[in-house]
Amino acid sequence: MLDVTSASEVGLPESPPVTRGKSHRGARRTAKRSRSERLRALGRQTLLAAVTFGVLALIWELLSNADPGFWPEIILSKPSEITPAFFEAITTRFVWENYWVTFQATILGFVLGAAAGFILGLMIALIPVFSEAFYPVVILFQSTPRVALAPVFIAWFGFGMSSKVALAATICFFPVLVNTITGLSHIDENAMLLMRSLKASRWQIFTHLRWFAALPTIFAGLKAALTFALIGVIVGELKATNEGAGFLIERGSFQLRMDDVFAYLGILALFGLLLYGIANAVERRVVFWQAGDAEHD
């Protein structure tokens, strides 16, 4: 049997006892400090963005008042005219009903396109036969402008929600597909050698190494795809529809109500920013180790 001797018996200094309460308080202080640093960084970024936006709006207003030949006021309405149109738009129920249609089509198209891109990317990255059979076809369609497919989808699915969802799903399909293949294919060689030296199975290598290594790249594709889905829906609504944000923009442009058009575009910009913020928040929750590394850097 092993004779376990205490540190005091052999003349060594004893280590101080670890108090659980102190460690918990230290962790809470660290978490509060990181949250306060994030809030300060967000506040600084918001302030800088607001100042930049204000300067650009001031230049726009001055150019509109000067009325040079390259700055037609009838097309580029003054910010002083766009601002009241913006507040009127966000308080109008008819406008929100149309934006709700756009939101539904965007989310549905994103879910369908992202799910299809992820599943096919998973199969191409993990199954050699699928990679040989489908990857050349993926490269071929990747080089094709998906916006040009809008007339095809309109003729195929008709006017309404289906054609917009199909176009959005097609546009956001490829970023998720390519990023999934890239994330699952580019793995650190030393980590892979370590897993093989431990005699890990293919399933264990996937669940413990490849999946977690690929998550940051996959989320980068998902964030881009969410923005592309909104673009696809707007393109579909501009082509042929009688509802949605694109319909409002098309109608306002046809009637030369450019202040309303810029107000609708401003709402769309905020809408896209909101979607990106939601995706970024989900990424911070799921890929938490990457967010922690970024904070320490």
C-alpha atoms as a PDB file:
ATOM      1  CA  MET A   1       0.000   0.000   0.000  1.00  0.00           C
ATOM      2  CA  LEU A   2       1.055   3.587  -0.667  1.00  0.00           C
ATOM      3  CA  ASP A   3       1.944   5.611   2.437  1.00  0.00           C
ATOM      4  CA  VAL A   4       0.223   8.948   1.943  1.00  0.00           C
ATOM      5  CA  THR A   5       2.026  11.605   3.970  1.00  0.00           C
ATOM      6  CA  SER A   6       0.699  15.086   4.449  1.00  0.00           C
ATOM      7  CA  ALA A   7       2.709  18.119   3.357  1.00  0.00           C
ATOM      8  CA  SER A   8       3.160  19.307   6.963  1.00  0.00           C
ATOM      9  CA  GLU A   9       4.775  16.006   8.003  1.00  0.00           C
ATOM     10  CA  VAL A  10       7.557  16.349   5.421  1.00  0.00           C
ATOM     11  CA  GLY A  11       8.082  20.028   6.087  1.00  0.00           C
ATOM     12  CA  LEU A  12       6.449  21.413   2.938  1.00  0.00           C
ATOM     13  CA  PRO A  13       4.100  24.402   3.087  1.00  0.00           C
ATOM     14  CA  GLU A  14       0.489  23.436   2.816  1.00  0.00           C
ATOM     15  CA  SER A  15      -1.526  24.962  -0.019  1.00  0.00           C
ATOM     16  CA  PRO A  16      -4.297  27.264   1.105  1.00  0.00           C
ATOM     17  CA  PRO A  17      -7.770  25.753   0.961  1.00  0.00           C
ATOM     18  CA  VAL A  18      -9.841  26.626  -2.089  1.00  0.00           C
ATOM     19  CA  THR A  19     -13.011  28.366  -1.086  1.00  0.00           C
ATOM     20  CA  ARG A  20     -15.899  27.664  -3.445  1.00  0.00           C
ATOM     21  CA  GLY A  21     -17.673  30.877  -2.580  1.00  0.00           C
ATOM     22  CA  LYS A  22     -14.623  32.957  -3.523  1.00  0.00           C
ATOM     23  CA  SER A  23     -14.236  31.167  -6.863  1.00  0.00           C
ATOM     24  CA  HIS A  24     -17.912  31.743  -7.655  1.00  0.00           C
ATOM     25  CA  ARG A  25     -17.637  35.425  -6.762  1.00  0.00           C
ATOM     26  CA  GLY A  26     -14.539  35.741  -8.958  1.00  0.00           C
ATOM     27  CA  ALA A  27     -16.337  34.124 -11.876  1.00  0.00           C
ATOM     28  CA  ARG A  28     -19.301  36.459 -11.439  1.00  0.00           C
ATOM     29  CA  ARG A  29     -16.997  39.494 -11.342  1.00  0.00           C
ATOM     30  CA  THR A  30     -15.250  38.331 -14.508  1.00  0.00           C
ATOM     31  CA  ALA A  31     -18.582  37.819 -16.263  1.00  0.00           C
ATOM     32  CA  LYS A  32     -19.814  41.274 -15.182  1.00  0.00           C
ATOM     33  CA  ARG A  33     -16.570  42.847 -16.339  1.00  0.00           C
ATOM     34  CA  SER A  34     -16.786  41.192 -19.762  1.00  0.00           C
ATOM     35  CA  ARG A  35     -20.427  42.278 -20.121  1.00  0.00           C
ATOM     36  CA  SER A  36     -19.577  45.855 -19.197  1.00  0.00           C
ATOM     37  CA  GLU A  37     -16.699  45.852 -21.699  1.00  0.00           C
ATOM     38  CA  ARG A  38     -19.030  44.589 -24.425  1.00  0.00           C
ATOM     39  CA  LEU A  39     -21.582  47.263 -23.564  1.00  0.00           C
ATOM     40  CA  ARG A  40     -18.918  49.979 -23.687  1.00  0.00           C
ATOM     41  CA  ALA A  41     -17.656  48.715 -27.038  1.00  0.00           C
ATOM     42  CA  LEU A  42     -21.219  48.599 -28.374  1.00  0.00           C
ATOM     43  CA  GLY A  43     -21.911  52.120 -27.128  1.00  0.00           C
ATOM     44  CA  ARG A  44     -18.736  53.442 -28.708  1.00  0.00           C
ATOM     45  CA  GLN A  45     -19.539  51.725 -32.006  1.00  0.00           C
ATOM     46  CA  THR A  46     -23.123  53.038 -31.961  1.00  0.00           C
ATOM     47  CA  LEU A  47     -21.922  56.578 -31.254  1.00  0.00           C
ATOM     48  CA  LEU A  48     -19.397  56.492 -34.104  1.00  0.00           C
ATOM     49  CA  ALA A  49     -22.000  55.090 -36.489  1.00  0.00           C
ATOM     50  CA  ALA A  50     -24.505  57.790 -35.474  1.00  0.00           C
ATOM     51  CA  VAL A  51     -21.928  60.545 -36.010  1.00  0.00           C
ATOM     52  CA  THR A  52     -20.996  59.138 -39.432  1.00  0.00           C
ATOM     53  CA  PHE A  53     -24.645  58.872 -40.418  1.00  0.00           C
ATOM     54  CA  GLY A  54     -25.299  62.444 -39.265  1.00  0.00           C
ATOM     55  CA  VAL A  55     -22.355  63.800 -41.277  1.00  0.00           C
ATOM     56  CA  LEU A  56     -23.484  61.959 -44.408  1.00  0.00           C
ATOM     57  CA  ALA A  57     -27.063  63.216 -43.940  1.00  0.00           C
ATOM     58  CA  LEU A  58     -25.782  66.778 -43.559  1.00  0.00           C
ATOM     59  CA  ILE A  59     -23.752  66.507 -46.779  1.00  0.00           C
ATOM     60  CA  TRP A  60     -26.809  65.063 -48.517  1.00  0.00           C
ATOM     61  CA  GLU A  61     -28.971  67.956 -47.300  1.00  0.00           C
ATOM     62  CA  LEU A  62     -26.426  70.561 -48.432  1.00  0.00           C
ATOM     63  CA  LEU A  63     -26.126  68.996 -51.870  1.00  0.00           C
ATOM     64  CA  SER A  64     -29.917  68.908 -52.239  1.00  0.00           C
ATOM     65  CA  ASN A  65     -30.139  72.608 -51.339  1.00  0.00           C
ATOM     66  CA  ALA A  66     -27.333  73.489 -53.768  1.00  0.00           C
ATOM     67  CA  ASP A  67     -29.144  71.489 -56.487  1.00  0.00           C
ATOM     68  CA  PRO A  68     -26.140  70.614 -58.706  1.00  0.00           C
ATOM     69  CA  GLY A  69     -26.727  68.866 -62.001  1.00  0.00           C
ATOM     70  CA  PHE A  70     -25.383  65.514 -60.808  1.00  0.00           C
ATOM     71  CA  TRP A  71     -27.722  65.497 -57.750  1.00  0.00           C
ATOM     72  CA  PRO A  72     -31.351  65.599 -58.955  1.00  0.00           C
ATOM     73  CA  GLU A  73     -33.566  66.573 -56.022  1.00  0.00           C
ATOM     74  CA  ILE A  74     -36.625  64.937 -57.576  1.00  0.00           C
ATOM     75  CA  ILE A  75     -34.866  61.556 -57.289  1.00  0.00           C
ATOM     76  CA  LEU A  76     -32.687  62.075 -54.215  1.00  0.00           C
ATOM     77  CA  SER A  77     -35.094  63.565 -51.716  1.00  0.00           C
ATOM     78  CA  LYS A  78     -33.743  65.659 -48.856  1.00  0.00           C
ATOM     79  CA  PRO A  79     -33.152  63.970 -45.490  1.00  0.00           C
ATOM     80  CA  SER A  80     -35.427  66.651 -44.001  1.00  0.00           C
ATOM     81  CA  GLU A  81     -38.213  65.225 -46.214  1.00  0.00           C
ATOM     82  CA  ILE A  82     -37.289  61.560 -45.746  1.00  0.00           C
ATOM     83  CA  THR A  83     -37.334  61.759 -41.924  1.00  0.00           C
ATOM     84  CA  PRO A  84     -41.048  62.647 -41.538  1.00  0.00           C
ATOM     85  CA  ALA A  85     -41.900  60.095 -44.247  1.00  0.00           C
ATOM     86  CA  PHE A  86     -39.976  57.475 -42.259  1.00  0.00           C
ATOM     87  CA  PHE A  87     -41.857  58.170 -39.027  1.00  0.00           C
ATOM     88  CA  GLU A  88     -45.149  58.189 -40.894  1.00  0.00           C
ATOM     89  CA  ALA A  89     -44.305  54.816 -42.450  1.00  0.00           C
ATOM     90  CA  ILE A  90     -43.415  53.121 -39.170  1.00  0.00           C
ATOM     91  CA  THR A  91     -46.719  54.269 -37.651  1.00  0.00           C
ATOM     92  CA  THR A  92     -48.862  53.033 -40.555  1.00  0.00           C
ATOM     93  CA  ARG A  93     -50.514  49.640 -40.210  1.00  0.00           C
ATOM     94  CA  PHE A  94     -50.609  49.040 -43.977  1.00  0.00           C
ATOM     95  CA  VAL A  95     -46.799  49.347 -44.139  1.00  0.00           C
ATOM     96  CA  TRP A  96     -46.260  46.879 -41.300  1.00  0.00           C
ATOM     97  CA  GLU A  97     -48.639  44.382 -42.885  1.00  0.00           C
ATOM     98  CA  ASN A  98     -46.526  44.414 -46.036  1.00  0.00           C
ATOM     99  CA  TYR A  99     -43.279  44.104 -44.089  1.00  0.00           C
ATOM    100  CA  TRP A 100     -44.748  41.161 -42.210  1.00  0.00           C
ATOM    101  CA  VAL A 101     -45.255  39.424 -45.562  1.00  0.00           C
ATOM    102  CA  THR A 102     -41.606  40.101 -46.417  1.00  0.00           C
ATOM    103  CA  PHE A 103     -40.479  38.818 -43.013  1.00  0.00           C
ATOM    104  CA  GLN A 104     -42.421  35.557 -43.404  1.00  0.00           C
ATOM    105  CA  ALA A 105     -41.019  34.915 -46.884  1.00  0.00           C
ATOM    106  CA  THR A 106     -37.483  35.724 -45.708  1.00  0.00           C
ATOM    107  CA  ILE A 107     -37.550  33.350 -42.728  1.00  0.00           C
ATOM    108  CA  LEU A 108     -39.195  30.546 -44.693  1.00  0.00           C
ATOM    109  CA  GLY A 109     -36.782  30.884 -47.603  1.00  0.00           C
ATOM    110  CA  PHE A 110     -33.809  31.043 -45.235  1.00  0.00           C
ATOM    111  CA  VAL A 111     -34.862  27.926 -43.322  1.00  0.00           C
ATOM    112  CA  LEU A 112     -35.447  25.886 -46.492  1.00  0.00           C
ATOM    113  CA  GLY A 113     -32.315  27.063 -48.286  1.00  0.00           C
ATOM    114  CA  ALA A 114     -30.021  26.836 -45.246  1.00  0.00           C
ATOM    115  CA  ALA A 115     -31.277  23.365 -44.300  1.00  0.00           C
ATOM    116  CA  ALA A 116     -30.793  22.060 -47.843  1.00  0.00           C
ATOM    117  CA  GLY A 117     -27.341  23.665 -48.104  1.00  0.00           C
ATOM    118  CA  PHE A 118     -26.238  22.268 -44.751  1.00  0.00           C
ATOM    119  CA  ILE A 119     -27.419  18.713 -45.454  1.00  0.00           C
ATOM    120  CA  LEU A 120     -25.889  18.578 -48.931  1.00  0.00           C
ATOM    121  CA  GLY A 121     -22.659  20.186 -47.662  1.00  0.00           C
ATOM    122  CA  LEU A 122     -22.478  17.606 -44.881  1.00  0.00           C
ATOM    123  CA  MET A 123     -22.837  14.755 -47.374  1.00  0.00           C
ATOM    124  CA  ILE A 124     -20.282  16.218 -49.803  1.00  0.00           C
ATOM    125  CA  ALA A 125     -17.721  16.805 -47.030  1.00  0.00           C
ATOM    126  CA  LEU A 126     -18.107  13.397 -45.396  1.00  0.00           C
ATOM    127  CA  ILE A 127     -18.935  11.039 -48.291  1.00  0.00           C
ATOM    128  CA  PRO A 128     -16.358  10.926 -51.113  1.00  0.00           C
ATOM    129  CA  VAL A 129     -18.874   9.640 -53.676  1.00  0.00           C
ATOM    130  CA  PHE A 130     -21.141  12.646 -53.102  1.00  0.00           C
ATOM    131  CA  SER A 131     -18.168  14.980 -53.387  1.00  0.00           C
ATOM    132  CA  GLU A 132     -17.187  13.547 -56.774  1.00  0.00           C
ATOM    133  CA  ALA A 133     -20.769  13.547 -58.064  1.00  0.00           C
ATOM    134  CA  PHE A 134     -22.164  16.850 -56.798  1.00  0.00           C
ATOM    135  CA  TYR A 135     -19.278  19.255 -56.222  1.00  0.00           C
ATOM    136  CA  PRO A 136     -18.719  20.044 -59.936  1.00  0.00           C
ATOM    137  CA  VAL A 137     -22.442  20.768 -60.258  1.00  0.00           C
ATOM    138  CA  VAL A 138     -22.258  23.041 -57.206  1.00  0.00           C
ATOM    139  CA  ILE A 139     -19.390  25.011 -58.770  1.00  0.00           C
ATOM    140  CA  LEU A 140     -21.385  25.351 -61.998  1.00  0.00           C
ATOM    141  CA  PHE A 141     -24.471  26.767 -60.274  1.00  0.00           C
ATOM    142  CA  GLN A 142     -22.370  28.891 -57.921  1.00  0.00           C
ATOM    143  CA  SER A 143     -21.118  30.878 -60.923  1.00  0.00           C
ATOM    144  CA  THR A 144     -24.694  31.522 -62.122  1.00  0.00           C
ATOM    145  CA  PRO A 145     -26.379  34.761 -60.909  1.00  0.00           C
ATOM    146  CA  ARG A 146     -29.323  33.515 -58.861  1.00  0.00           C
ATOM    147  CA  VAL A 147     -31.211  36.799 -59.268  1.00  0.00           C
ATOM    148  CA  ALA A 148     -31.507  35.970 -62.962  1.00  0.00           C
ATOM    149  CA  LEU A 149     -33.678  32.999 -61.968  1.00  0.00           C
ATOM    150  CA  ALA A 150     -36.455  35.293 -60.720  1.00  0.00           C
ATOM    151  CA  PRO A 151     -38.467  35.179 -64.010  1.00  0.00           C
ATOM    152  CA  VAL A 152     -38.119  31.394 -64.030  1.00  0.00           C
ATOM    153  CA  PHE A 153     -39.509  31.035 -60.510  1.00  0.00           C
ATOM    154  CA  ILE A 154     -42.320  33.489 -61.216  1.00  0.00           C
ATOM    155  CA  ALA A 155     -43.330  31.513 -64.300  1.00  0.00           C
ATOM    156  CA  TRP A 156     -42.958  28.240 -62.380  1.00  0.00           C
ATOM    157  CA  PHE A 157     -44.610  29.061 -59.043  1.00  0.00           C
ATOM    158  CA  GLY A 158     -46.733  32.009 -60.128  1.00  0.00           C
ATOM    159  CA  PHE A 159     -47.270  35.296 -58.332  1.00  0.00           C
ATOM    160  CA  GLY A 160     -47.357  35.339 -54.566  1.00  0.00           C
ATOM    161  CA  MET A 161     -45.431  33.820 -51.694  1.00  0.00           C
ATOM    162  CA  SER A 162     -44.111  30.647 -53.363  1.00  0.00           C
ATOM    163  CA  SER A 163     -41.940  32.316 -55.991  1.00  0.00           C
ATOM    164  CA  LYS A 164     -40.383  34.683 -53.413  1.00  0.00           C
ATOM    165  CA  VAL A 165     -39.598  31.823 -51.032  1.00  0.00           C
ATOM    166  CA  ALA A 166     -38.082  29.770 -53.857  1.00  0.00           C
ATOM    167  CA  LEU A 167     -35.842  32.637 -54.950  1.00  0.00           C
ATOM    168  CA  ALA A 168     -34.755  33.378 -51.365  1.00  0.00           C
ATOM    169  CA  ALA A 169     -34.010  29.695 -50.701  1.00  0.00           C
ATOM    170  CA  THR A 170     -31.939  29.441 -53.878  1.00  0.00           C
ATOM    171  CA  ILE A 171     -29.900  32.535 -53.053  1.00  0.00           C
ATOM    172  CA  CYS A 172     -29.119  31.561 -49.450  1.00  0.00           C
ATOM    173  CA  PHE A 173     -28.510  27.891 -50.334  1.00  0.00           C
ATOM    174  CA  PHE A 174     -24.990  28.312 -51.695  1.00  0.00           C
ATOM    175  CA  PRO A 175     -23.316  30.297 -48.869  1.00  0.00           C
ATOM    176  CA  VAL A 176     -24.368  27.661 -46.352  1.00  0.00           C
ATOM    177  CA  LEU A 177     -23.374  24.824 -48.684  1.00  0.00           C
ATOM    178  CA  VAL A 178     -19.901  26.199 -49.456  1.00  0.00           C
ATOM    179  CA  ASN A 179     -19.159  27.182 -45.852  1.00  0.00           C
ATOM    180  CA  THR A 180     -20.287  23.785 -44.556  1.00  0.00           C
ATOM    181  CA  ILE A 181     -17.986  21.997 -46.999  1.00  0.00           C
ATOM    182  CA  THR A 182     -15.107  24.332 -46.184  1.00  0.00           C
ATOM    183  CA  GLY A 183     -15.551  24.093 -42.417  1.00  0.00           C
ATOM    184  CA  LEU A 184     -15.769  20.303 -42.356  1.00  0.00           C
ATOM    185  CA  SER A 185     -12.903  19.809 -44.811  1.00  0.00           C
ATOM    186  CA  HIS A 186     -10.248  22.091 -43.290  1.00  0.00           C
ATOM    187  CA  ILE A 187      -9.288  20.526 -39.966  1.00  0.00           C
ATOM    188  CA  ASP A 188      -6.100  21.082 -37.976  1.00  0.00           C
ATOM    189  CA  GLU A 189      -3.726  18.251 -38.891  1.00  0.00           C
ATOM    190  CA  ASN A 190      -2.229  17.963 -35.414  1.00  0.00           C
ATOM    191  CA  ALA A 191      -5.676  17.608 -33.860  1.00  0.00           C
ATOM    192  CA  MET A 192      -6.580  14.971 -36.438  1.00  0.00           C
ATOM    193  CA  LEU A 193      -3.358  13.042 -35.732  1.00  0.00           C
ATOM    194  CA  LEU A 194      -4.124  13.192 -32.014  1.00  0.00           C
ATOM    195  CA  MET A 195      -7.625  11.766 -32.522  1.00  0.00           C
ATOM    196  CA  ARG A 196      -6.256   8.976 -34.697  1.00  0.00           C
ATOM    197  CA  SER A 197      -3.527   8.172 -32.175  1.00  0.00           C
ATOM    198  CA  LEU A 198      -6.297   7.732 -29.619  1.00  0.00           C
ATOM    199  CA  LYS A 199      -7.960   5.280 -32.052  1.00  0.00           C
ATOM    200  CA  ALA A 200     -11.073   7.440 -32.357  1.00  0.00           C
ATOM    201  CA  SER A 201     -13.733   6.248 -34.774  1.00  0.00           C
ATOM    202  CA  ARG A 202     -14.976   8.364 -37.690  1.00  0.00           C
ATOM    203  CA  TRP A 203     -18.089   9.236 -35.711  1.00  0.00           C
ATOM    204  CA  GLN A 204     -16.015  10.283 -32.689  1.00  0.00           C
ATOM    205  CA  ILE A 205     -13.737  12.392 -34.900  1.00  0.00           C
ATOM    206  CA  PHE A 206     -16.799  14.090 -36.369  1.00  0.00           C
ATOM    207  CA  THR A 207     -18.608  14.751 -33.086  1.00  0.00           C
ATOM    208  CA  HIS A 208     -15.536  15.757 -31.045  1.00  0.00           C
ATOM    209  CA  LEU A 209     -13.374  17.523 -33.625  1.00  0.00           C
ATOM    210  CA  ARG A 210     -14.736  18.256 -37.081  1.00  0.00           C
ATOM    211  CA  TRP A 211     -18.154  19.501 -35.972  1.00  0.00           C
ATOM    212  CA  PHE A 212     -16.836  22.004 -33.429  1.00  0.00           C
ATOM    213  CA  ALA A 213     -14.028  23.133 -35.732  1.00  0.00           C
ATOM    214  CA  ALA A 214     -16.549  23.753 -38.538  1.00  0.00           C
ATOM    215  CA  LEU A 215     -19.151  25.657 -36.498  1.00  0.00           C
ATOM    216  CA  PRO A 216     -17.571  29.154 -36.849  1.00  0.00           C
ATOM    217  CA  THR A 217     -17.359  28.780 -40.632  1.00  0.00           C
ATOM    218  CA  ILE A 218     -20.889  27.397 -40.862  1.00  0.00           C
ATOM    219  CA  PHE A 219     -22.272  30.311 -38.842  1.00  0.00           C
ATOM    220  CA  ALA A 220     -20.465  32.764 -41.087  1.00  0.00           C
ATOM    221  CA  GLY A 221     -22.347  31.218 -44.013  1.00  0.00           C
ATOM    222  CA  LEU A 222     -25.641  31.305 -42.107  1.00  0.00           C
ATOM    223  CA  LYS A 223     -25.276  35.035 -41.321  1.00  0.00           C
ATOM    224  CA  ALA A 224     -24.530  35.825 -44.958  1.00  0.00           C
ATOM    225  CA  ALA A 225     -27.401  33.602 -46.109  1.00  0.00           C
ATOM    226  CA  LEU A 226     -29.895  35.382 -43.866  1.00  0.00           C
ATOM    227  CA  THR A 227     -29.058  38.701 -45.505  1.00  0.00           C
ATOM    228  CA  PHE A 228     -29.163  37.135 -48.973  1.00  0.00           C
ATOM    229  CA  ALA A 229     -32.581  35.656 -48.230  1.00  0.00           C
ATOM    230  CA  LEU A 230     -33.954  39.153 -47.593  1.00  0.00           C
ATOM    231  CA  ILE A 231     -32.414  40.351 -50.866  1.00  0.00           C
ATOM    232  CA  GLY A 232     -33.994  37.444 -52.735  1.00  0.00           C
ATOM    233  CA  VAL A 233     -37.445  38.200 -51.332  1.00  0.00           C
ATOM    234  CA  ILE A 234     -37.169  41.905 -52.240  1.00  0.00           C
ATOM    235  CA  VAL A 235     -36.083  41.033 -55.801  1.00  0.00           C
ATOM    236  CA  GLY A 236     -39.081  38.720 -56.119  1.00  0.00           C
ATOM    237  CA  GLU A 237     -41.422  41.424 -54.825  1.00  0.00           C
ATOM    238  CA  LEU A 238     -39.977  43.997 -57.211  1.00  0.00           C
ATOM    239  CA  LYS A 239     -40.491  41.688 -60.180  1.00  0.00           C
ATOM    240  CA  ALA A 240     -44.115  40.769 -59.723  1.00  0.00           C
ATOM    241  CA  THR A 241     -46.265  40.920 -56.606  1.00  0.00           C
ATOM    242  CA  ASN A 242     -48.937  43.058 -54.998  1.00  0.00           C
ATOM    243  CA  GLU A 243     -47.717  42.846 -51.404  1.00  0.00           C
ATOM    244  CA  GLY A 244     -44.527  43.143 -49.418  1.00  0.00           C
ATOM    245  CA  ALA A 245     -41.804  45.741 -48.901  1.00  0.00           C
ATOM    246  CA  GLY A 246     -40.652  45.405 -52.508  1.00  0.00           C
ATOM    247  CA  PHE A 247     -44.157  46.201 -53.693  1.00  0.00           C
ATOM    248  CA  LEU A 248     -44.190  49.370 -51.577  1.00  0.00           C
ATOM    249  CA  ILE A 249     -40.835  50.451 -53.002  1.00  0.00           C
ATOM    250  CA  GLU A 250     -41.907  49.727 -56.574  1.00  0.00           C
ATOM    251  CA  ARG A 251     -45.187  51.611 -56.180  1.00  0.00           C
ATOM    252  CA  GLY A 252     -43.523  54.626 -54.535  1.00  0.00           C
ATOM    253  CA  SER A 253     -40.858  54.757 -57.250  1.00  0.00           C
ATOM    254  CA  PHE A 254     -43.465  54.589 -60.020  1.00  0.00           C
ATOM    255  CA  GLN A 255     -45.330  57.508 -58.435  1.00  0.00           C
ATOM    256  CA  LEU A 256     -42.049  59.434 -57.855  1.00  0.00           C
ATOM    257  CA  ARG A 257     -42.700  59.590 -54.103  1.00  0.00           C
ATOM    258  CA  MET A 258     -38.991  59.238 -53.470  1.00  0.00           C
ATOM    259  CA  ASP A 259     -39.180  60.351 -49.830  1.00  0.00           C
ATOM    260  CA  ASP A 260     -41.426  57.347 -49.173  1.00  0.00           C
ATOM    261  CA  VAL A 261     -39.087  55.092 -51.158  1.00  0.00           C
ATOM    262  CA  PHE A 262     -36.096  56.094 -49.033  1.00  0.00           C
ATOM    263  CA  ALA A 263     -38.197  55.679 -45.899  1.00  0.00           C
ATOM    264  CA  TYR A 264     -39.079  52.110 -46.950  1.00  0.00           C
ATOM    265  CA  LEU A 265     -35.403  51.454 -47.694  1.00  0.00           C
ATOM    266  CA  GLY A 266     -34.494  52.742 -44.235  1.00  0.00           C
ATOM    267  CA  ILE A 267     -36.947  50.334 -42.624  1.00  0.00           C
ATOM    268  CA  LEU A 268     -35.489  47.515 -44.714  1.00  0.00           C
ATOM    269  CA  ALA A 269     -31.981  48.432 -43.552  1.00  0.00           C
ATOM    270  CA  LEU A 270     -33.088  48.291 -39.906  1.00  0.00           C
ATOM    271  CA  PHE A 271     -34.880  45.013 -40.599  1.00  0.00           C
ATOM    272  CA  GLY A 272     -31.729  43.493 -42.093  1.00  0.00           C
ATOM    273  CA  LEU A 273     -29.665  44.796 -39.176  1.00  0.00           C
ATOM    274  CA  LEU A 274     -32.100  43.180 -36.741  1.00  0.00           C
ATOM    275  CA  LEU A 275     -31.840  39.814 -38.516  1.00  0.00           C
ATOM    276  CA  TYR A 276     -28.058  40.024 -38.508  1.00  0.00           C
ATOM    277  CA  GLY A 277     -28.052  40.910 -34.801  1.00  0.00           C
ATOM    278  CA  ILE A 278     -30.241  37.912 -33.982  1.00  0.00           C
ATOM    279  CA  ALA A 279     -27.959  35.598 -35.972  1.00  0.00           C
ATOM    280  CA  ASN A 280     -24.904  37.070 -34.259  1.00  0.00           C
ATOM    281  CA  ALA A 281     -26.461  36.581 -30.806  1.00  0.00           C
ATOM    282  CA  VAL A 282     -27.253  32.941 -31.599  1.00  0.00           C
ATOM    283  CA  GLU A 283     -23.677  32.449 -32.816  1.00  0.00           C
ATOM    284  CA  ARG A 284     -22.285  33.851 -29.549  1.00  0.00           C
ATOM    285  CA  ARG A 285     -24.422  31.354 -27.626  1.00  0.00           C
ATOM    286  CA  VAL A 286     -23.529  28.326 -29.750  1.00  0.00           C
ATOM    287  CA  VAL A 287     -19.901  29.089 -30.665  1.00  0.00           C
ATOM    288  CA  PHE A 288     -19.180  30.451 -27.199  1.00  0.00           C
ATOM    289  CA  TRP A 289     -15.482  29.569 -27.212  1.00  0.00           C
ATOM    290  CA  GLN A 290     -14.869  31.784 -30.235  1.00  0.00           C
ATOM    291  CA  ALA A 291     -16.567  34.737 -28.525  1.00  0.00           C
ATOM    292  CA  GLY A 292     -14.420  34.139 -25.450  1.00  0.00           C
ATOM    293  CA  ASP A 293     -11.233  34.089 -27.534  1.00  0.00           C
ATOM    294  CA  ALA A 294     -12.246  37.333 -29.244  1.00  0.00           C
ATOM    295  CA  GLU A 295     -12.826  39.033 -25.877  1.00  0.00           C
ATOM    296  CA  HIS A 296      -9.396  37.972 -24.586  1.00  0.00           C
ATOM    297  CA  ASP A 297      -7.733  39.206 -27.767  1.00  0.00           C
END
